[in-house]
């Protein structure tokens, strides 16, 4: 059964390819949604997929790509949404 979450990642997560690698990981795990940079320097992600895939994705977000330095990850459950792909905004 699918679930949906908002993930906000803080630290050195912009200008290190975080959004590109986030999309790559989401596609690999068959997760839909989007990722975008926020004005405060964080990365904002809305995702939907199977619980096991979401758990793997959240685990990945705690480290991100090798050039990132993740300091904090905030996660929030949200209602399911209608999306068929994963986008970089």
PDB file of N, CA and C in Angstrom:
ATOM      1  N   UNK A   1       0.847  -1.187   0.000  1.00  0.00           N
ATOM      2  CA  UNK A   1       0.000   0.000   0.000  1.00  0.00           C
ATOM      3  C   UNK A   1       0.887   1.244   0.000  1.00  0.00           C
ATOM      4  N   UNK A   2       0.626   2.178  -0.882  1.00  0.00           N
ATOM      5  CA  UNK A   2       1.483   3.363  -0.956  1.00  0.00           C
ATOM      6  C   UNK A   2       1.293   4.295   0.232  1.00  0.00           C
ATOM      7  N   UNK A   3       2.356   5.035   0.511  1.00  0.00           N
ATOM      8  CA  UNK A   3       2.334   6.089   1.521  1.00  0.00           C
ATOM      9  C   UNK A   3       2.980   7.327   0.911  1.00  0.00           C
ATOM     10  N   UNK A   4       2.793   8.473   1.554  1.00  0.00           N
ATOM     11  CA  UNK A   4       3.363   9.728   1.057  1.00  0.00           C
ATOM     12  C   UNK A   4       4.000  10.491   2.208  1.00  0.00           C
ATOM     13  N   UNK A   5       5.074  11.200   1.891  1.00  0.00           N
ATOM     14  CA  UNK A   5       5.793  11.961   2.916  1.00  0.00           C
ATOM     15  C   UNK A   5       6.364  13.239   2.323  1.00  0.00           C
ATOM     16  N   UNK A   6       6.578  14.198   3.208  1.00  0.00           N
ATOM     17  CA  UNK A   6       7.398  15.373   2.924  1.00  0.00           C
ATOM     18  C   UNK A   6       8.708  15.145   3.657  1.00  0.00           C
ATOM     19  N   UNK A   7       9.809  15.393   2.957  1.00  0.00           N
ATOM     20  CA  UNK A   7      11.130  15.302   3.563  1.00  0.00           C
ATOM     21  C   UNK A   7      11.826  16.627   3.311  1.00  0.00           C
ATOM     22  N   UNK A   8      12.392  17.205   4.364  1.00  0.00           N
ATOM     23  CA  UNK A   8      13.191  18.412   4.197  1.00  0.00           C
ATOM     24  C   UNK A   8      14.585  18.111   4.723  1.00  0.00           C
ATOM     25  N   UNK A   9      15.581  18.338   3.858  1.00  0.00           N
ATOM     26  CA  UNK A   9      16.963  17.985   4.161  1.00  0.00           C
ATOM     27  C   UNK A   9      17.764  19.266   4.341  1.00  0.00           C
ATOM     28  N   UNK A  10      18.487  19.358   5.462  1.00  0.00           N
ATOM     29  CA  UNK A  10      19.265  20.541   5.805  1.00  0.00           C
ATOM     30  C   UNK A  10      20.756  20.219   5.833  1.00  0.00           C
ATOM     31  N   UNK A  11      21.567  21.215   5.581  1.00  0.00           N
ATOM     32  CA  UNK A  11      23.017  21.064   5.597  1.00  0.00           C
ATOM     33  C   UNK A  11      23.583  21.606   4.295  1.00  0.00           C
ATOM     34  N   UNK A  12      24.718  21.083   3.884  1.00  0.00           N
ATOM     35  CA  UNK A  12      25.298  21.464   2.589  1.00  0.00           C
ATOM     36  C   UNK A  12      24.654  20.551   1.544  1.00  0.00           C
ATOM     37  N   UNK A  13      23.465  20.942   1.090  1.00  0.00           N
ATOM     38  CA  UNK A  13      22.669  20.100   0.205  1.00  0.00           C
ATOM     39  C   UNK A  13      22.288  20.792  -1.104  1.00  0.00           C
ATOM     40  N   UNK A  14      22.719  22.018  -1.291  1.00  0.00           N
ATOM     41  CA  UNK A  14      22.518  22.696  -2.567  1.00  0.00           C
ATOM     42  C   UNK A  14      23.879  22.864  -3.239  1.00  0.00           C
ATOM     43  N   UNK A  15      23.869  22.858  -4.574  1.00  0.00           N
ATOM     44  CA  UNK A  15      25.087  22.967  -5.384  1.00  0.00           C
ATOM     45  C   UNK A  15      26.017  21.773  -5.219  1.00  0.00           C
ATOM     46  N   UNK A  16      25.444  20.606  -4.888  1.00  0.00           N
ATOM     47  CA  UNK A  16      26.224  19.368  -4.763  1.00  0.00           C
ATOM     48  C   UNK A  16      25.560  18.224  -5.535  1.00  0.00           C
ATOM     49  N   UNK A  17      24.586  18.545  -6.387  1.00  0.00           N
ATOM     50  CA  UNK A  17      23.901  17.518  -7.162  1.00  0.00           C
ATOM     51  C   UNK A  17      22.815  16.783  -6.405  1.00  0.00           C
ATOM     52  N   UNK A  18      22.394  17.318  -5.260  1.00  0.00           N
ATOM     53  CA  UNK A  18      21.417  16.602  -4.429  1.00  0.00           C
ATOM     54  C   UNK A  18      20.120  16.325  -5.176  1.00  0.00           C
ATOM     55  N   UNK A  19      19.596  17.326  -5.888  1.00  0.00           N
ATOM     56  CA  UNK A  19      18.320  17.116  -6.592  1.00  0.00           C
ATOM     57  C   UNK A  19      18.462  16.056  -7.688  1.00  0.00           C
ATOM     58  N   UNK A  20      19.548  16.109  -8.447  1.00  0.00           N
ATOM     59  CA  UNK A  20      19.773  15.125  -9.506  1.00  0.00           C
ATOM     60  C   UNK A  20      19.832  13.707  -8.931  1.00  0.00           C
ATOM     61  N   UNK A  21      20.606  13.513  -7.865  1.00  0.00           N
ATOM     62  CA  UNK A  21      20.732  12.184  -7.264  1.00  0.00           C
ATOM     63  C   UNK A  21      19.453  11.760  -6.543  1.00  0.00           C
ATOM     64  N   UNK A  22      18.701  12.723  -6.050  1.00  0.00           N
ATOM     65  CA  UNK A  22      17.400  12.415  -5.448  1.00  0.00           C
ATOM     66  C   UNK A  22      16.471  11.831  -6.508  1.00  0.00           C
ATOM     67  N   UNK A  23      16.430  12.464  -7.676  1.00  0.00           N
ATOM     68  CA  UNK A  23      15.587  11.937  -8.753  1.00  0.00           C
ATOM     69  C   UNK A  23      16.062  10.544  -9.155  1.00  0.00           C
ATOM     70  N   UNK A  24      17.351  10.373  -9.286  1.00  0.00           N
ATOM     71  CA  UNK A  24      17.904   9.069  -9.676  1.00  0.00           C
ATOM     72  C   UNK A  24      17.494   7.970  -8.693  1.00  0.00           C
ATOM     73  N   UNK A  25      17.586   8.269  -7.388  1.00  0.00           N
ATOM     74  CA  UNK A  25      17.215   7.301  -6.352  1.00  0.00           C
ATOM     75  C   UNK A  25      15.708   7.035  -6.386  1.00  0.00           C
ATOM     76  N   UNK A  26      14.909   8.087  -6.569  1.00  0.00           N
ATOM     77  CA  UNK A  26      13.451   7.921  -6.621  1.00  0.00           C
ATOM     78  C   UNK A  26      13.037   7.042  -7.802  1.00  0.00           C
ATOM     79  N   UNK A  27      13.622   7.273  -8.962  1.00  0.00           N
ATOM     80  CA  UNK A  27      13.297   6.468 -10.140  1.00  0.00           C
ATOM     81  C   UNK A  27      13.705   5.013  -9.896  1.00  0.00           C
ATOM     82  N   UNK A  28      14.871   4.820  -9.315  1.00  0.00           N
ATOM     83  CA  UNK A  28      15.348   3.462  -9.004  1.00  0.00           C
ATOM     84  C   UNK A  28      14.368   2.720  -8.100  1.00  0.00           C
ATOM     85  N   UNK A  29      13.781   3.439  -7.132  1.00  0.00           N
ATOM     86  CA  UNK A  29      12.875   2.830  -6.160  1.00  0.00           C
ATOM     87  C   UNK A  29      11.402   2.904  -6.571  1.00  0.00           C
ATOM     88  N   UNK A  30      11.144   3.432  -7.768  1.00  0.00           N
ATOM     89  CA  UNK A  30       9.770   3.571  -8.288  1.00  0.00           C
ATOM     90  C   UNK A  30       8.913   4.461  -7.389  1.00  0.00           C
ATOM     91  N   UNK A  31       9.502   5.572  -6.995  1.00  0.00           N
ATOM     92  CA  UNK A  31       8.836   6.569  -6.154  1.00  0.00           C
ATOM     93  C   UNK A  31       8.456   7.756  -7.034  1.00  0.00           C
ATOM     94  N   UNK A  32       7.280   8.331  -6.798  1.00  0.00           N
ATOM     95  CA  UNK A  32       6.847   9.508  -7.540  1.00  0.00           C
ATOM     96  C   UNK A  32       6.892  10.734  -6.625  1.00  0.00           C
ATOM     97  N   UNK A  33       6.833  11.921  -7.240  1.00  0.00           N
ATOM     98  CA  UNK A  33       6.828  13.156  -6.476  1.00  0.00           C
ATOM     99  C   UNK A  33       7.742  14.189  -7.097  1.00  0.00           C
ATOM    100  N   UNK A  34       8.366  15.013  -6.236  1.00  0.00           N
ATOM    101  CA  UNK A  34       9.268  16.042  -6.747  1.00  0.00           C
ATOM    102  C   UNK A  34      10.271  16.450  -5.686  1.00  0.00           C
ATOM    103  N   UNK A  35      11.310  17.132  -6.143  1.00  0.00           N
ATOM    104  CA  UNK A  35      12.335  17.697  -5.270  1.00  0.00           C
ATOM    105  C   UNK A  35      12.603  19.120  -5.735  1.00  0.00           C
ATOM    106  N   UNK A  36      12.859  20.024  -4.799  1.00  0.00           N
ATOM    107  CA  UNK A  36      13.208  21.395  -5.164  1.00  0.00           C
ATOM    108  C   UNK A  36      14.071  22.017  -4.079  1.00  0.00           C
ATOM    109  N   UNK A  37      14.868  22.999  -4.475  1.00  0.00           N
ATOM    110  CA  UNK A  37      15.654  23.775  -3.525  1.00  0.00           C
ATOM    111  C   UNK A  37      14.764  24.815  -2.864  1.00  0.00           C
ATOM    112  N   UNK A  38      15.031  25.074  -1.591  1.00  0.00           N
ATOM    113  CA  UNK A  38      14.309  26.119  -0.856  1.00  0.00           C
ATOM    114  C   UNK A  38      15.239  27.319  -0.654  1.00  0.00           C
ATOM    115  N   UNK A  39      14.644  28.475  -0.444  1.00  0.00           N
ATOM    116  CA  UNK A  39      15.413  29.708  -0.256  1.00  0.00           C
ATOM    117  C   UNK A  39      16.311  29.641   0.985  1.00  0.00           C
ATOM    118  N   UNK A  40      15.947  28.823   1.974  1.00  0.00           N
ATOM    119  CA  UNK A  40      16.737  28.742   3.204  1.00  0.00           C
ATOM    120  C   UNK A  40      17.958  27.817   3.068  1.00  0.00           C
ATOM    121  N   UNK A  41      18.205  27.283   1.858  1.00  0.00           N
ATOM    122  CA  UNK A  41      19.355  26.422   1.631  1.00  0.00           C
ATOM    123  C   UNK A  41      19.068  24.940   1.794  1.00  0.00           C
ATOM    124  N   UNK A  42      17.840  24.600   2.162  1.00  0.00           N
ATOM    125  CA  UNK A  42      17.471  23.191   2.321  1.00  0.00           C
ATOM    126  C   UNK A  42      16.934  22.635   1.003  1.00  0.00           C
ATOM    127  N   UNK A  43      16.707  21.327   0.984  1.00  0.00           N
ATOM    128  CA  UNK A  43      16.075  20.651  -0.145  1.00  0.00           C
ATOM    129  C   UNK A  43      14.746  20.091   0.353  1.00  0.00           C
ATOM    130  N   UNK A  44      13.683  20.351  -0.406  1.00  0.00           N
ATOM    131  CA  UNK A  44      12.322  19.945  -0.067  1.00  0.00           C
ATOM    132  C   UNK A  44      11.896  18.842  -1.029  1.00  0.00           C
ATOM    133  N   UNK A  45      11.364  17.744  -0.476  1.00  0.00           N
ATOM    134  CA  UNK A  45      10.973  16.589  -1.288  1.00  0.00           C
ATOM    135  C   UNK A  45       9.566  16.144  -0.889  1.00  0.00           C
ATOM    136  N   UNK A  46       8.704  15.925  -1.860  1.00  0.00           N
ATOM    137  CA  UNK A  46       7.418  15.254  -1.631  1.00  0.00           C
ATOM    138  C   UNK A  46       7.467  13.950  -2.400  1.00  0.00           C
ATOM    139  N   UNK A  47       7.220  12.834  -1.701  1.00  0.00           N
ATOM    140  CA  UNK A  47       7.321  11.523  -2.327  1.00  0.00           C
ATOM    141  C   UNK A  47       6.118  10.653  -2.011  1.00  0.00           C
ATOM    142  N   UNK A  48       5.866   9.710  -2.927  1.00  0.00           N
ATOM    143  CA  UNK A  48       4.823   8.718  -2.713  1.00  0.00           C
ATOM    144  C   UNK A  48       5.307   7.405  -3.321  1.00  0.00           C
ATOM    145  N   UNK A  49       5.090   6.315  -2.590  1.00  0.00           N
ATOM    146  CA  UNK A  49       5.486   5.006  -3.076  1.00  0.00           C
ATOM    147  C   UNK A  49       5.202   3.949  -2.032  1.00  0.00           C
ATOM    148  N   UNK A  50       5.654   2.739  -2.313  1.00  0.00           N
ATOM    149  CA  UNK A  50       5.475   1.634  -1.372  1.00  0.00           C
ATOM    150  C   UNK A  50       6.323   1.886  -0.120  1.00  0.00           C
ATOM    151  N   UNK A  51       5.812   1.468   1.029  1.00  0.00           N
ATOM    152  CA  UNK A  51       6.457   1.763   2.308  1.00  0.00           C
ATOM    153  C   UNK A  51       7.922   1.317   2.346  1.00  0.00           C
ATOM    154  N   UNK A  52       8.225   0.133   1.843  1.00  0.00           N
ATOM    155  CA  UNK A  52       9.597  -0.363   1.849  1.00  0.00           C
ATOM    156  C   UNK A  52      10.512   0.558   1.032  1.00  0.00           C
ATOM    157  N   UNK A  53      10.035   1.003  -0.133  1.00  0.00           N
ATOM    158  CA  UNK A  53      10.816   1.904  -0.984  1.00  0.00           C
ATOM    159  C   UNK A  53      10.999   3.265  -0.310  1.00  0.00           C
ATOM    160  N   UNK A  54       9.947   3.766   0.318  1.00  0.00           N
ATOM    161  CA  UNK A  54      10.034   5.052   1.020  1.00  0.00           C
ATOM    162  C   UNK A  54      11.050   4.959   2.159  1.00  0.00           C
ATOM    163  N   UNK A  55      11.033   3.859   2.900  1.00  0.00           N
ATOM    164  CA  UNK A  55      12.007   3.675   3.991  1.00  0.00           C
ATOM    165  C   UNK A  55      13.435   3.703   3.455  1.00  0.00           C
ATOM    166  N   UNK A  56      13.687   3.034   2.331  1.00  0.00           N
ATOM    167  CA  UNK A  56      15.022   3.049   1.735  1.00  0.00           C
ATOM    168  C   UNK A  56      15.397   4.453   1.283  1.00  0.00           C
ATOM    169  N   UNK A  57      14.448   5.171   0.702  1.00  0.00           N
ATOM    170  CA  UNK A  57      14.684   6.532   0.226  1.00  0.00           C
ATOM    171  C   UNK A  57      15.021   7.463   1.399  1.00  0.00           C
ATOM    172  N   UNK A  58      14.249   7.366   2.473  1.00  0.00           N
ATOM    173  CA  UNK A  58      14.502   8.199   3.661  1.00  0.00           C
ATOM    174  C   UNK A  58      15.891   7.906   4.221  1.00  0.00           C
ATOM    175  N   UNK A  59      16.259   6.643   4.276  1.00  0.00           N
ATOM    176  CA  UNK A  59      17.596   6.270   4.751  1.00  0.00           C
ATOM    177  C   UNK A  59      18.669   6.926   3.873  1.00  0.00           C
ATOM    178  N   UNK A  60      18.487   6.901   2.558  1.00  0.00           N
ATOM    179  CA  UNK A  60      19.429   7.532   1.633  1.00  0.00           C
ATOM    180  C   UNK A  60      19.519   9.037   1.885  1.00  0.00           C
ATOM    181  N   UNK A  61      18.387   9.676   2.170  1.00  0.00           N
ATOM    182  CA  UNK A  61      18.365  11.130   2.381  1.00  0.00           C
ATOM    183  C   UNK A  61      19.242  11.567   3.561  1.00  0.00           C
ATOM    184  N   UNK A  62      19.498  10.675   4.497  1.00  0.00           N
ATOM    185  CA  UNK A  62      20.329  11.030   5.646  1.00  0.00           C
ATOM    186  C   UNK A  62      21.804  11.181   5.275  1.00  0.00           C
ATOM    187  N   UNK A  63      22.183  10.736   4.080  1.00  0.00           N
ATOM    188  CA  UNK A  63      23.566  10.947   3.628  1.00  0.00           C
ATOM    189  C   UNK A  63      23.604  11.665   2.285  1.00  0.00           C
ATOM    190  N   UNK A  64      22.710  11.323   1.361  1.00  0.00           N
ATOM    191  CA  UNK A  64      22.662  11.961   0.050  1.00  0.00           C
ATOM    192  C   UNK A  64      23.882  11.599  -0.780  1.00  0.00           C
ATOM    193  N   UNK A  65      24.158  12.376  -1.832  1.00  0.00           N
ATOM    194  CA  UNK A  65      25.332  12.110  -2.657  1.00  0.00           C
ATOM    195  C   UNK A  65      26.618  12.417  -1.882  1.00  0.00           C
ATOM    196  N   UNK A  66      27.729  11.909  -2.387  1.00  0.00           N
ATOM    197  CA  UNK A  66      28.980  12.009  -1.634  1.00  0.00           C
ATOM    198  C   UNK A  66      29.419  13.435  -1.336  1.00  0.00           C
ATOM    199  N   UNK A  67      29.025  14.416  -2.151  1.00  0.00           N
ATOM    200  CA  UNK A  67      29.462  15.795  -1.927  1.00  0.00           C
ATOM    201  C   UNK A  67      28.589  16.529  -0.918  1.00  0.00           C
ATOM    202  N   UNK A  68      27.465  15.966  -0.560  1.00  0.00           N
ATOM    203  CA  UNK A  68      26.556  16.609   0.398  1.00  0.00           C
ATOM    204  C   UNK A  68      27.045  16.372   1.830  1.00  0.00           C
ATOM    205  N   UNK A  69      26.615  17.262   2.700  1.00  0.00           N
ATOM    206  CA  UNK A  69      26.853  17.102   4.133  1.00  0.00           C
ATOM    207  C   UNK A  69      25.507  17.344   4.830  1.00  0.00           C
ATOM    208  N   UNK A  70      24.769  16.270   5.033  1.00  0.00           N
ATOM    209  CA  UNK A  70      23.437  16.352   5.627  1.00  0.00           C
ATOM    210  C   UNK A  70      23.570  16.548   7.133  1.00  0.00           C
ATOM    211  N   UNK A  71      22.914  17.592   7.638  1.00  0.00           N
ATOM    212  CA  UNK A  71      22.944  17.879   9.075  1.00  0.00           C
ATOM    213  C   UNK A  71      21.652  17.481   9.770  1.00  0.00           C
ATOM    214  N   UNK A  72      20.530  17.547   9.051  1.00  0.00           N
ATOM    215  CA  UNK A  72      19.241  17.210   9.665  1.00  0.00           C
ATOM    216  C   UNK A  72      18.257  16.825   8.568  1.00  0.00           C
ATOM    217  N   UNK A  73      17.340  15.933   8.899  1.00  0.00           N
ATOM    218  CA  UNK A  73      16.279  15.514   7.989  1.00  0.00           C
ATOM    219  C   UNK A  73      14.970  15.545   8.770  1.00  0.00           C
ATOM    220  N   UNK A  74      14.017  16.309   8.277  1.00  0.00           N
ATOM    221  CA  UNK A  74      12.685  16.359   8.889  1.00  0.00           C
ATOM    222  C   UNK A  74      11.719  15.611   7.979  1.00  0.00           C
ATOM    223  N   UNK A  75      10.876  14.775   8.571  1.00  0.00           N
ATOM    224  CA  UNK A  75       9.953  13.928   7.806  1.00  0.00           C
ATOM    225  C   UNK A  75       8.542  14.106   8.341  1.00  0.00           C
ATOM    226  N   UNK A  76       7.600  14.211   7.430  1.00  0.00           N
ATOM    227  CA  UNK A  76       6.197  14.400   7.806  1.00  0.00           C
ATOM    228  C   UNK A  76       5.323  13.538   6.900  1.00  0.00           C
ATOM    229  N   UNK A  77       4.362  12.828   7.475  1.00  0.00           N
ATOM    230  CA  UNK A  77       3.393  12.073   6.687  1.00  0.00           C
ATOM    231  C   UNK A  77       2.392  13.039   6.063  1.00  0.00           C
ATOM    232  N   UNK A  78       1.999  12.760   4.834  1.00  0.00           N
ATOM    233  CA  UNK A  78       0.988  13.572   4.143  1.00  0.00           C
ATOM    234  C   UNK A  78       0.009  12.630   3.442  1.00  0.00           C
ATOM    235  N   UNK A  79      -1.151  13.165   3.023  1.00  0.00           N
ATOM    236  CA  UNK A  79      -2.105  12.345   2.261  1.00  0.00           C
ATOM    237  C   UNK A  79      -1.512  11.960   0.900  1.00  0.00           C
ATOM    238  N   UNK A  80      -1.984  10.847   0.361  1.00  0.00           N
ATOM    239  CA  UNK A  80      -1.567  10.433  -0.973  1.00  0.00           C
ATOM    240  C   UNK A  80      -1.935  11.514  -1.981  1.00  0.00           C
ATOM    241  N   UNK A  81      -1.150  11.629  -3.050  1.00  0.00           N
ATOM    242  CA  UNK A  81      -1.402  12.635  -4.080  1.00  0.00           C
ATOM    243  C   UNK A  81      -1.333  11.970  -5.445  1.00  0.00           C
ATOM    244  N   UNK A  82      -1.713  12.696  -6.462  1.00  0.00           N
ATOM    245  CA  UNK A  82      -1.778  12.138  -7.817  1.00  0.00           C
ATOM    246  C   UNK A  82      -0.553  12.580  -8.611  1.00  0.00           C
ATOM    247  N   UNK A  83       0.407  11.677  -8.776  1.00  0.00           N
ATOM    248  CA  UNK A  83       1.613  11.953  -9.546  1.00  0.00           C
ATOM    249  C   UNK A  83       2.083  10.653 -10.165  1.00  0.00           C
ATOM    250  N   UNK A  84       2.543  10.714 -11.401  1.00  0.00           N
ATOM    251  CA  UNK A  84       2.943   9.493 -12.106  1.00  0.00           C
ATOM    252  C   UNK A  84       4.439   9.419 -12.384  1.00  0.00           C
ATOM    253  N   UNK A  85       5.200  10.430 -11.984  1.00  0.00           N
ATOM    254  CA  UNK A  85       6.638  10.460 -12.241  1.00  0.00           C
ATOM    255  C   UNK A  85       7.329  11.207 -11.103  1.00  0.00           C
ATOM    256  N   UNK A  86       8.627  11.367 -11.210  1.00  0.00           N
ATOM    257  CA  UNK A  86       9.384  12.146 -10.233  1.00  0.00           C
ATOM    258  C   UNK A  86      10.030  13.312 -10.966  1.00  0.00           C
ATOM    259  N   UNK A  87       9.884  14.505 -10.425  1.00  0.00           N
ATOM    260  CA  UNK A  87      10.304  15.737 -11.094  1.00  0.00           C
ATOM    261  C   UNK A  87      11.308  16.523 -10.255  1.00  0.00           C
ATOM    262  N   UNK A  88      12.173  17.219 -10.941  1.00  0.00           N
ATOM    263  CA  UNK A  88      13.030  18.227 -10.297  1.00  0.00           C
ATOM    264  C   UNK A  88      12.387  19.567 -10.610  1.00  0.00           C
ATOM    265  N   UNK A  89      12.102  20.339  -9.582  1.00  0.00           N
ATOM    266  CA  UNK A  89      11.498  21.664  -9.783  1.00  0.00           C
ATOM    267  C   UNK A  89      12.535  22.739  -9.540  1.00  0.00           C
TER     268      UNK A  89
END
